[in-house]
Every structure is written in structure tokens, then in C-alpha cells.
Amino acid sequence: MYKIRRFLSTLCAVCMLFSMATPAFATDRSVTSPYSLSTTEANGVRTAVTRDDTTEYIVVYDTINETVQYSERNLQTGIVKSGDAVKVNDAVKVNDYPSLSSRATISLNTNSGFEYTEWTGRQNEWELERPKTKKEGSGRYYFKIYENNSNTNQVRSFKNEVNTLSNKEADFRSLTTLAVLSSLGAGVISGFAVATAGLLTDAAMAAIVAATGAAGAAAVAGNAVCIQCNNCMIAIEDVWHSTNNMHS
């Protein structure tokens, strides 16, 4: 599905260190940060750029057309890979839910592209969603499962991670606005389409957050949202690999 675990422990450690910091984001000037972060804004287009040892991350937020686009440039080869420009307020669903009036429905959708819907009954049925990754196109990917011994722990873990993500998005929104939260979500969705090994790196997170214009405590909260998105991506991969009854 995507290569995640081989660098998970390192990434989490770096992310924890970054989340404890309080970065100061500015416009039209370079900013001192571990990622050589710089942001510029002209004619309603805000561009945030960071880099680590191997990659430059560029996030462009067009506030006029309300789109966010994420790109990565390999510093050794110069090759640029870009995700699609994602509409900030794009809430189009990839599917319609069937009518199951005799069963209770529990659902939670996040701005960052992760969602679960649970239909309770004699055997619970789930639909899980995440942002699409490399070679999958743009938007969201979803699949359905029946809950059983093969996946109960994993699907419940994903549900908990999405609940936590929703709470962190609420924290970020309390410090900014719904529009800023939506732009953060658009950046995350665009980023996962080209993210290295299927997860957002710490420098990529910094660029996504900076492109929203968040500063101070809001920037820290935005970074926490991005970290939790990685946790959700890991959790949904666990469901995928453990389930023996995937269906559409």
C-alpha cells in the first residue's frame, strides 16, 4: 500500500520535537527555522518553502481561486513532483451511502481527508476513507469492511485516531478560522498524493502550516493536526492489511 514503518520511529521522534517548538511564520521574508522556512505573498498567492537534507517542499495557497497545491523537489536530481491543486472548500464525496434505516450509523469526517462510517448491527460494517497517495490520483480513497476477528482492534484504533484528529482540528480552528482549517486540510490532501513513503515529513508539515498563514500557537496546533494525519494514515494501513473481507 505504501512504505511506512521503515522510518516511522524516526519521524515520530522528530515530529514530537517540532511540536514542542513555537515557530514564528512571517510574510515576504525568510524565517529562522530548522527547515529554512520562507514564505512570500503576492497578488493573493501565498507560497511557503522548506527543505530538509534531500527535498525542498513548496506549498502554494491561492486565496483568490481558493486552492492549495503541494510539491516536492528532489535536491539531488531537481525533479519536481506535484499533487493536484485541491479546492479549499471541496467537500465532494466519492460515494453515496446505501439506505440502511434499520441500522444505526456513526460517522465522522475531517477536513484533512480521513473519515469513518460505522453501520451497527449483527455484524458491524465500516467504510473508511483517507487522502489518496502516489499513483492513486487526487481526492480520497475509500474501502468497506465487515468487522470481525481479523480487524476489530485495527478498525477501532483507526476510529480513535480519527476522533483525535477531529479534536486537533477543532483546537486549530479555535485559534484561526474555518477557512484557515480548510486550507490546512487541502494542503494535507495535496501533500499525501506525493508524500515520501506515504507520510508527511516534518519539513513538509512546516510548509503546509506556513502556507495557511498560521502563526504562534496556531502554527503549533496546525503542526499537531499534520502529525495526527500521519497517525491516521498508519492506522488505516493496519486495517487494510489485517482485513479478510474487503468489499465495495
C-alpha atoms as a PDB file:
ATOM      1  CA  MET A   1       0.000   0.000   0.000  1.00  0.00           C
ATOM      2  CA  TYR A   2       2.775   2.370   0.956  1.00  0.00           C
ATOM      3  CA  LYS A   3       6.071   2.045   2.797  1.00  0.00           C
ATOM      4  CA  ILE A   4       5.549   3.484   6.222  1.00  0.00           C
ATOM      5  CA  ARG A   5       7.028   1.570   9.098  1.00  0.00           C
ATOM      6  CA  ARG A   6      10.644   1.673   7.983  1.00  0.00           C
ATOM      7  CA  PHE A   7      11.012   5.299   9.030  1.00  0.00           C
ATOM      8  CA  LEU A   8       8.084   5.672  11.454  1.00  0.00           C
ATOM      9  CA  SER A   9      10.040   5.724  14.694  1.00  0.00           C
ATOM     10  CA  THR A  10      12.459   8.351  13.410  1.00  0.00           C
ATOM     11  CA  LEU A  11       9.700  10.526  12.001  1.00  0.00           C
ATOM     12  CA  CYS A  12       7.632  10.412  15.182  1.00  0.00           C
ATOM     13  CA  ALA A  13      10.614  11.418  17.288  1.00  0.00           C
ATOM     14  CA  VAL A  14      11.370  14.397  15.053  1.00  0.00           C
ATOM     15  CA  CYS A  15       7.717  15.417  14.953  1.00  0.00           C
ATOM     16  CA  MET A  16       7.477  15.354  18.745  1.00  0.00           C
ATOM     17  CA  LEU A  17      10.435  17.687  18.990  1.00  0.00           C
ATOM     18  CA  PHE A  18       8.966  20.018  16.385  1.00  0.00           C
ATOM     19  CA  SER A  19       5.542  20.073  18.052  1.00  0.00           C
ATOM     20  CA  MET A  20       7.142  21.368  21.251  1.00  0.00           C
ATOM     21  CA  ALA A  21       8.524  24.407  19.459  1.00  0.00           C
ATOM     22  CA  THR A  22       6.620  27.602  18.678  1.00  0.00           C
ATOM     23  CA  PRO A  23       7.599  28.660  15.163  1.00  0.00           C
ATOM     24  CA  ALA A  24       7.084  32.234  14.033  1.00  0.00           C
ATOM     25  CA  PHE A  25       5.868  32.485  10.467  1.00  0.00           C
ATOM     26  CA  ALA A  26       6.184  35.717   8.515  1.00  0.00           C
ATOM     27  CA  THR A  27       5.389  37.067   5.079  1.00  0.00           C
ATOM     28  CA  ASP A  28       7.833  38.253   2.402  1.00  0.00           C
ATOM     29  CA  ARG A  29      10.978  37.331   4.309  1.00  0.00           C
ATOM     30  CA  SER A  30      12.988  34.291   5.278  1.00  0.00           C
ATOM     31  CA  VAL A  31      12.401  32.926   8.748  1.00  0.00           C
ATOM     32  CA  THR A  32      14.880  31.230  11.023  1.00  0.00           C
ATOM     33  CA  SER A  33      13.756  27.612  11.471  1.00  0.00           C
ATOM     34  CA  PRO A  34      15.189  24.086  11.343  1.00  0.00           C
ATOM     35  CA  TYR A  35      13.786  23.784   7.820  1.00  0.00           C
ATOM     36  CA  SER A  36      14.987  27.039   6.183  1.00  0.00           C
ATOM     37  CA  LEU A  37      11.357  28.110   6.086  1.00  0.00           C
ATOM     38  CA  SER A  38      10.388  31.090   3.954  1.00  0.00           C
ATOM     39  CA  THR A  39       7.009  32.481   2.977  1.00  0.00           C
ATOM     40  CA  THR A  40       6.085  35.045   0.342  1.00  0.00           C
ATOM     41  CA  GLU A  41       2.756  36.528  -0.689  1.00  0.00           C
ATOM     42  CA  ALA A  42       1.872  38.378  -3.872  1.00  0.00           C
ATOM     43  CA  ASN A  43      -1.474  39.094  -5.524  1.00  0.00           C
ATOM     44  CA  GLY A  44      -3.335  36.814  -3.159  1.00  0.00           C
ATOM     45  CA  VAL A  45      -0.992  33.853  -3.609  1.00  0.00           C
ATOM     46  CA  ARG A  46       0.977  32.703  -0.561  1.00  0.00           C
ATOM     47  CA  THR A  47       3.949  30.406  -1.118  1.00  0.00           C
ATOM     48  CA  ALA A  48       5.727  28.545   1.682  1.00  0.00           C
ATOM     49  CA  VAL A  49       9.037  26.764   1.062  1.00  0.00           C
ATOM     50  CA  THR A  50      11.012  24.478   3.369  1.00  0.00           C
ATOM     51  CA  ARG A  51      13.717  21.891   2.849  1.00  0.00           C
ATOM     52  CA  ASP A  52      15.481  19.071   4.610  1.00  0.00           C
ATOM     53  CA  ASP A  53      18.614  17.166   3.593  1.00  0.00           C
ATOM     54  CA  THR A  54      17.049  15.625   0.500  1.00  0.00           C
ATOM     55  CA  THR A  55      13.948  17.534  -0.531  1.00  0.00           C
ATOM     56  CA  GLU A  56      12.511  21.002  -0.996  1.00  0.00           C
ATOM     57  CA  TYR A  57       8.803  21.344  -0.155  1.00  0.00           C
ATOM     58  CA  ILE A  58       6.682  24.015  -1.846  1.00  0.00           C
ATOM     59  CA  VAL A  59       3.100  24.752  -0.813  1.00  0.00           C
ATOM     60  CA  VAL A  60       1.139  27.356  -2.799  1.00  0.00           C
ATOM     61  CA  TYR A  61      -2.108  28.717  -1.372  1.00  0.00           C
ATOM     62  CA  ASP A  62      -4.075  30.696  -3.962  1.00  0.00           C
ATOM     63  CA  THR A  63      -6.505  32.671  -1.808  1.00  0.00           C
ATOM     64  CA  ILE A  64      -8.261  34.095  -4.874  1.00  0.00           C
ATOM     65  CA  ASN A  65      -9.115  30.765  -6.502  1.00  0.00           C
ATOM     66  CA  GLU A  66      -9.158  29.037  -3.097  1.00  0.00           C
ATOM     67  CA  THR A  67      -6.799  26.194  -3.972  1.00  0.00           C
ATOM     68  CA  VAL A  68      -3.755  24.687  -2.265  1.00  0.00           C
ATOM     69  CA  GLN A  69      -1.051  22.770  -4.132  1.00  0.00           C
ATOM     70  CA  TYR A  70       1.850  20.832  -2.637  1.00  0.00           C
ATOM     71  CA  SER A  71       5.081  19.985  -4.490  1.00  0.00           C
ATOM     72  CA  GLU A  72       8.356  18.242  -3.688  1.00  0.00           C
ATOM     73  CA  ARG A  73      11.667  18.924  -5.468  1.00  0.00           C
ATOM     74  CA  ASN A  74      14.446  16.374  -5.158  1.00  0.00           C
ATOM     75  CA  LEU A  75      17.554  18.388  -4.281  1.00  0.00           C
ATOM     76  CA  GLN A  76      19.891  15.925  -5.985  1.00  0.00           C
ATOM     77  CA  THR A  77      18.047  15.396  -9.267  1.00  0.00           C
ATOM     78  CA  GLY A  78      15.968  18.569  -9.442  1.00  0.00           C
ATOM     79  CA  ILE A  79      12.873  16.509 -10.292  1.00  0.00           C
ATOM     80  CA  VAL A  80       9.629  18.106  -9.090  1.00  0.00           C
ATOM     81  CA  LYS A  81       6.548  16.071  -8.166  1.00  0.00           C
ATOM     82  CA  SER A  82       3.314  17.922  -7.515  1.00  0.00           C
ATOM     83  CA  GLY A  83      -0.026  16.981  -6.058  1.00  0.00           C
ATOM     84  CA  ASP A  84      -3.192  18.317  -7.630  1.00  0.00           C
ATOM     85  CA  ALA A  85      -4.399  21.775  -6.651  1.00  0.00           C
ATOM     86  CA  VAL A  86      -7.088  20.982  -4.066  1.00  0.00           C
ATOM     87  CA  LYS A  87     -10.084  23.262  -3.634  1.00  0.00           C
ATOM     88  CA  VAL A  88     -10.203  24.601  -0.103  1.00  0.00           C
ATOM     89  CA  ASN A  89     -13.949  24.104   0.188  1.00  0.00           C
ATOM     90  CA  ASP A  90     -14.192  20.922  -1.863  1.00  0.00           C
ATOM     91  CA  ALA A  91     -16.474  18.607   0.094  1.00  0.00           C
ATOM     92  CA  VAL A  92     -17.496  16.335  -2.778  1.00  0.00           C
ATOM     93  CA  LYS A  93     -17.975  12.762  -1.620  1.00  0.00           C
ATOM     94  CA  VAL A  94     -16.639   9.866  -3.638  1.00  0.00           C
ATOM     95  CA  ASN A  95     -19.705   7.743  -2.927  1.00  0.00           C
ATOM     96  CA  ASP A  96     -23.273   7.739  -1.656  1.00  0.00           C
ATOM     97  CA  TYR A  97     -24.181   5.678   1.375  1.00  0.00           C
ATOM     98  CA  PRO A  98     -26.856   2.998   0.918  1.00  0.00           C
ATOM     99  CA  SER A  99     -30.127   3.192   2.803  1.00  0.00           C
ATOM    100  CA  LEU A 100     -29.782   1.137   5.969  1.00  0.00           C
ATOM    101  CA  SER A 101     -32.627   2.554   8.034  1.00  0.00           C
ATOM    102  CA  SER A 102     -32.756  -0.446  10.344  1.00  0.00           C
ATOM    103  CA  ARG A 103     -29.147   0.065  11.454  1.00  0.00           C
ATOM    104  CA  ALA A 104     -27.574   2.861  13.475  1.00  0.00           C
ATOM    105  CA  THR A 105     -24.994   4.949  11.615  1.00  0.00           C
ATOM    106  CA  ILE A 106     -21.982   6.542  13.300  1.00  0.00           C
ATOM    107  CA  SER A 107     -19.863   8.777  11.081  1.00  0.00           C
ATOM    108  CA  LEU A 108     -17.075  11.323  11.432  1.00  0.00           C
ATOM    109  CA  ASN A 109     -15.482  13.293   8.594  1.00  0.00           C
ATOM    110  CA  THR A 110     -12.416  15.501   8.992  1.00  0.00           C
ATOM    111  CA  ASN A 111     -11.168  18.421   6.922  1.00  0.00           C
ATOM    112  CA  SER A 112      -7.901  16.548   6.425  1.00  0.00           C
ATOM    113  CA  GLY A 113      -9.463  13.769   4.359  1.00  0.00           C
ATOM    114  CA  PHE A 114      -9.857  10.973   6.919  1.00  0.00           C
ATOM    115  CA  GLU A 115     -13.312   9.607   7.668  1.00  0.00           C
ATOM    116  CA  TYR A 116     -15.107   6.595   9.030  1.00  0.00           C
ATOM    117  CA  THR A 117     -18.721   5.489   8.849  1.00  0.00           C
ATOM    118  CA  GLU A 118     -19.907   2.606  11.007  1.00  0.00           C
ATOM    119  CA  TRP A 119     -23.195   0.813  10.471  1.00  0.00           C
ATOM    120  CA  THR A 120     -24.002  -1.171  13.584  1.00  0.00           C
ATOM    121  CA  GLY A 121     -25.877  -4.452  13.566  1.00  0.00           C
ATOM    122  CA  ARG A 122     -25.386  -8.182  13.977  1.00  0.00           C
ATOM    123  CA  GLN A 123     -22.110  -7.630  12.172  1.00  0.00           C
ATOM    124  CA  ASN A 124     -20.839  -4.069  12.026  1.00  0.00           C
ATOM    125  CA  GLU A 125     -19.961  -2.725   8.595  1.00  0.00           C
ATOM    126  CA  TRP A 126     -17.464   0.104   8.081  1.00  0.00           C
ATOM    127  CA  GLU A 127     -16.421   2.455   5.331  1.00  0.00           C
ATOM    128  CA  LEU A 128     -13.019   4.067   5.809  1.00  0.00           C
ATOM    129  CA  GLU A 129     -11.541   6.979   3.860  1.00  0.00           C
ATOM    130  CA  ARG A 130      -8.152   8.619   3.530  1.00  0.00           C
ATOM    131  CA  PRO A 131      -6.400  11.010   1.127  1.00  0.00           C
ATOM    132  CA  LYS A 132      -5.141   9.274  -1.991  1.00  0.00           C
ATOM    133  CA  THR A 133      -1.416   8.578  -2.181  1.00  0.00           C
ATOM    134  CA  LYS A 134       1.080   8.241  -5.035  1.00  0.00           C
ATOM    135  CA  LYS A 135      -0.312   6.789  -8.291  1.00  0.00           C
ATOM    136  CA  GLU A 136      -3.884   6.898  -6.945  1.00  0.00           C
ATOM    137  CA  GLY A 137      -4.835  10.297  -8.344  1.00  0.00           C
ATOM    138  CA  SER A 138      -6.408  13.086  -6.335  1.00  0.00           C
ATOM    139  CA  GLY A 139      -9.103  13.249  -3.695  1.00  0.00           C
ATOM    140  CA  ARG A 140      -9.947  10.411  -1.308  1.00  0.00           C
ATOM    141  CA  TYR A 141      -9.650   6.658  -1.390  1.00  0.00           C
ATOM    142  CA  TYR A 142     -12.211   4.513   0.422  1.00  0.00           C
ATOM    143  CA  PHE A 143     -12.994   0.880   1.119  1.00  0.00           C
ATOM    144  CA  LYS A 144     -15.546  -1.105   3.101  1.00  0.00           C
ATOM    145  CA  ILE A 145     -15.110  -3.944   5.590  1.00  0.00           C
ATOM    146  CA  TYR A 146     -17.147  -6.110   7.907  1.00  0.00           C
ATOM    147  CA  GLU A 147     -15.857  -6.027  11.465  1.00  0.00           C
ATOM    148  CA  ASN A 148     -14.636  -9.424  12.646  1.00  0.00           C
ATOM    149  CA  ASN A 149     -11.742 -11.071  14.474  1.00  0.00           C
ATOM    150  CA  SER A 150      -9.366 -10.159  11.659  1.00  0.00           C
ATOM    151  CA  ASN A 151      -9.761  -6.413  12.058  1.00  0.00           C
ATOM    152  CA  THR A 152     -11.649  -5.397  15.234  1.00  0.00           C
ATOM    153  CA  ASN A 153      -8.623  -3.976  17.031  1.00  0.00           C
ATOM    154  CA  GLN A 154      -7.331  -2.225  13.920  1.00  0.00           C
ATOM    155  CA  VAL A 155     -10.590  -0.581  12.866  1.00  0.00           C
ATOM    156  CA  ARG A 156     -11.274   0.578  16.424  1.00  0.00           C
ATOM    157  CA  SER A 157      -7.774   2.045  16.520  1.00  0.00           C
ATOM    158  CA  PHE A 158      -8.420   3.929  13.279  1.00  0.00           C
ATOM    159  CA  LYS A 159     -11.683   5.258  14.700  1.00  0.00           C
ATOM    160  CA  ASN A 160      -9.834   6.538  17.784  1.00  0.00           C
ATOM    161  CA  GLU A 161      -7.136   8.185  15.652  1.00  0.00           C
ATOM    162  CA  VAL A 162      -9.756   9.958  13.522  1.00  0.00           C
ATOM    163  CA  ASN A 163     -11.554  11.115  16.679  1.00  0.00           C
ATOM    164  CA  THR A 164      -8.261  12.535  17.926  1.00  0.00           C
ATOM    165  CA  LEU A 165      -7.653  14.218  14.564  1.00  0.00           C
ATOM    166  CA  SER A 166     -11.088  15.830  14.736  1.00  0.00           C
ATOM    167  CA  ASN A 167     -10.262  17.198  18.193  1.00  0.00           C
ATOM    168  CA  LYS A 168      -6.940  18.592  16.996  1.00  0.00           C
ATOM    169  CA  GLU A 169      -8.651  20.211  14.023  1.00  0.00           C
ATOM    170  CA  ALA A 170     -11.088  21.811  16.469  1.00  0.00           C
ATOM    171  CA  ASP A 171      -8.151  23.134  18.513  1.00  0.00           C
ATOM    172  CA  PHE A 172      -6.628  24.637  15.366  1.00  0.00           C
ATOM    173  CA  ARG A 173      -9.920  26.168  14.291  1.00  0.00           C
ATOM    174  CA  SER A 174     -10.377  27.760  17.732  1.00  0.00           C
ATOM    175  CA  LEU A 175      -7.147  29.660  17.100  1.00  0.00           C
ATOM    176  CA  THR A 176      -7.861  30.514  13.452  1.00  0.00           C
ATOM    177  CA  THR A 177     -10.999  30.208  11.295  1.00  0.00           C
ATOM    178  CA  LEU A 178     -12.862  27.524   9.394  1.00  0.00           C
ATOM    179  CA  ALA A 179     -11.372  28.880   6.159  1.00  0.00           C
ATOM    180  CA  VAL A 180      -7.834  28.500   7.510  1.00  0.00           C
ATOM    181  CA  LEU A 181      -8.615  24.983   8.750  1.00  0.00           C
ATOM    182  CA  SER A 182      -9.985  24.127   5.295  1.00  0.00           C
ATOM    183  CA  SER A 183      -6.809  25.416   3.651  1.00  0.00           C
ATOM    184  CA  LEU A 184      -4.742  23.252   6.013  1.00  0.00           C
ATOM    185  CA  GLY A 185      -6.837  20.224   5.057  1.00  0.00           C
ATOM    186  CA  ALA A 186      -6.422  20.980   1.360  1.00  0.00           C
ATOM    187  CA  GLY A 187      -2.653  21.165   1.823  1.00  0.00           C
ATOM    188  CA  VAL A 188      -2.625  17.825   3.637  1.00  0.00           C
ATOM    189  CA  ILE A 189      -4.684  16.116   0.922  1.00  0.00           C
ATOM    190  CA  SER A 190      -2.471  17.533  -1.835  1.00  0.00           C
ATOM    191  CA  GLY A 191       0.633  16.582   0.142  1.00  0.00           C
ATOM    192  CA  PHE A 192      -0.225  12.945   0.672  1.00  0.00           C
ATOM    193  CA  ALA A 193      -0.505  12.495  -3.109  1.00  0.00           C
ATOM    194  CA  VAL A 194       3.283  12.848  -3.413  1.00  0.00           C
ATOM    195  CA  ALA A 195       4.497  12.369   0.183  1.00  0.00           C
ATOM    196  CA  THR A 196       7.682  10.384   0.635  1.00  0.00           C
ATOM    197  CA  ALA A 197       6.889   6.803   1.717  1.00  0.00           C
ATOM    198  CA  GLY A 198       3.247   7.791   2.209  1.00  0.00           C
ATOM    199  CA  LEU A 199       3.759  10.115   5.189  1.00  0.00           C
ATOM    200  CA  LEU A 200       4.347  13.847   5.595  1.00  0.00           C
ATOM    201  CA  THR A 201       7.846  14.710   6.775  1.00  0.00           C
ATOM    202  CA  ASP A 202       8.436  17.309   9.469  1.00  0.00           C
ATOM    203  CA  ALA A 203       9.631  19.878   6.911  1.00  0.00           C
ATOM    204  CA  ALA A 204       6.603  19.187   4.704  1.00  0.00           C
ATOM    205  CA  MET A 205       4.313  19.827   7.658  1.00  0.00           C
ATOM    206  CA  ALA A 206       6.036  23.136   8.339  1.00  0.00           C
ATOM    207  CA  ALA A 207       5.454  24.266   4.749  1.00  0.00           C
ATOM    208  CA  ILE A 208       1.786  23.215   4.775  1.00  0.00           C
ATOM    209  CA  VAL A 209       1.123  25.062   8.017  1.00  0.00           C
ATOM    210  CA  ALA A 210       3.049  28.150   6.915  1.00  0.00           C
ATOM    211  CA  ALA A 211       1.050  28.366   3.693  1.00  0.00           C
ATOM    212  CA  THR A 212      -2.144  28.773   5.727  1.00  0.00           C
ATOM    213  CA  GLY A 213      -0.702  31.888   7.373  1.00  0.00           C
ATOM    214  CA  ALA A 214      -0.952  30.402  10.867  1.00  0.00           C
ATOM    215  CA  ALA A 215       1.493  31.797  13.426  1.00  0.00           C
ATOM    216  CA  GLY A 216       2.494  31.212  17.032  1.00  0.00           C
ATOM    217  CA  ALA A 217       0.160  28.904  18.957  1.00  0.00           C
ATOM    218  CA  ALA A 218      -1.944  28.376  15.845  1.00  0.00           C
ATOM    219  CA  ALA A 219       1.108  27.125  13.943  1.00  0.00           C
ATOM    220  CA  VAL A 220       1.864  24.637  16.706  1.00  0.00           C
ATOM    221  CA  ALA A 221      -1.763  23.457  16.641  1.00  0.00           C
ATOM    222  CA  GLY A 222      -1.619  23.122  12.860  1.00  0.00           C
ATOM    223  CA  ASN A 223       1.510  21.020  13.096  1.00  0.00           C
ATOM    224  CA  ALA A 224      -0.271  18.787  15.625  1.00  0.00           C
ATOM    225  CA  VAL A 225      -3.028  18.251  13.052  1.00  0.00           C
ATOM    226  CA  CYS A 226      -0.464  17.167  10.447  1.00  0.00           C
ATOM    227  CA  ILE A 227       1.220  14.768  12.868  1.00  0.00           C
ATOM    228  CA  GLN A 228      -2.137  13.214  13.676  1.00  0.00           C
ATOM    229  CA  CYS A 229      -2.847  12.806   9.957  1.00  0.00           C
ATOM    230  CA  ASN A 230       0.240  10.593   9.772  1.00  0.00           C
ATOM    231  CA  ASN A 231      -1.116   8.564  12.692  1.00  0.00           C
ATOM    232  CA  CYS A 232      -4.412   8.126  10.842  1.00  0.00           C
ATOM    233  CA  MET A 233      -2.619   7.030   7.681  1.00  0.00           C
ATOM    234  CA  ILE A 234      -0.686   4.397   9.635  1.00  0.00           C
ATOM    235  CA  ALA A 235      -3.855   3.187  11.360  1.00  0.00           C
ATOM    236  CA  ILE A 236      -5.850   2.800   8.150  1.00  0.00           C
ATOM    237  CA  GLU A 237      -2.976   0.846   6.589  1.00  0.00           C
ATOM    238  CA  ASP A 238      -3.178  -1.543   9.534  1.00  0.00           C
ATOM    239  CA  VAL A 239      -6.881  -2.087   8.826  1.00  0.00           C
ATOM    240  CA  TRP A 240      -6.168  -2.701   5.143  1.00  0.00           C
ATOM    241  CA  HIS A 241      -3.541  -5.353   5.813  1.00  0.00           C
ATOM    242  CA  SER A 242      -5.427  -7.154   8.572  1.00  0.00           C
ATOM    243  CA  THR A 243      -8.895  -7.381   6.988  1.00  0.00           C
ATOM    244  CA  ASN A 244     -10.015 -10.595   5.284  1.00  0.00           C
ATOM    245  CA  ASN A 245     -13.349  -9.303   3.949  1.00  0.00           C
ATOM    246  CA  MET A 246     -12.686  -6.148   1.946  1.00  0.00           C
ATOM    247  CA  HIS A 247     -15.640  -5.287  -0.273  1.00  0.00           C
ATOM    248  CA  SER A 248     -17.175  -2.441  -2.257  1.00  0.00           C
END
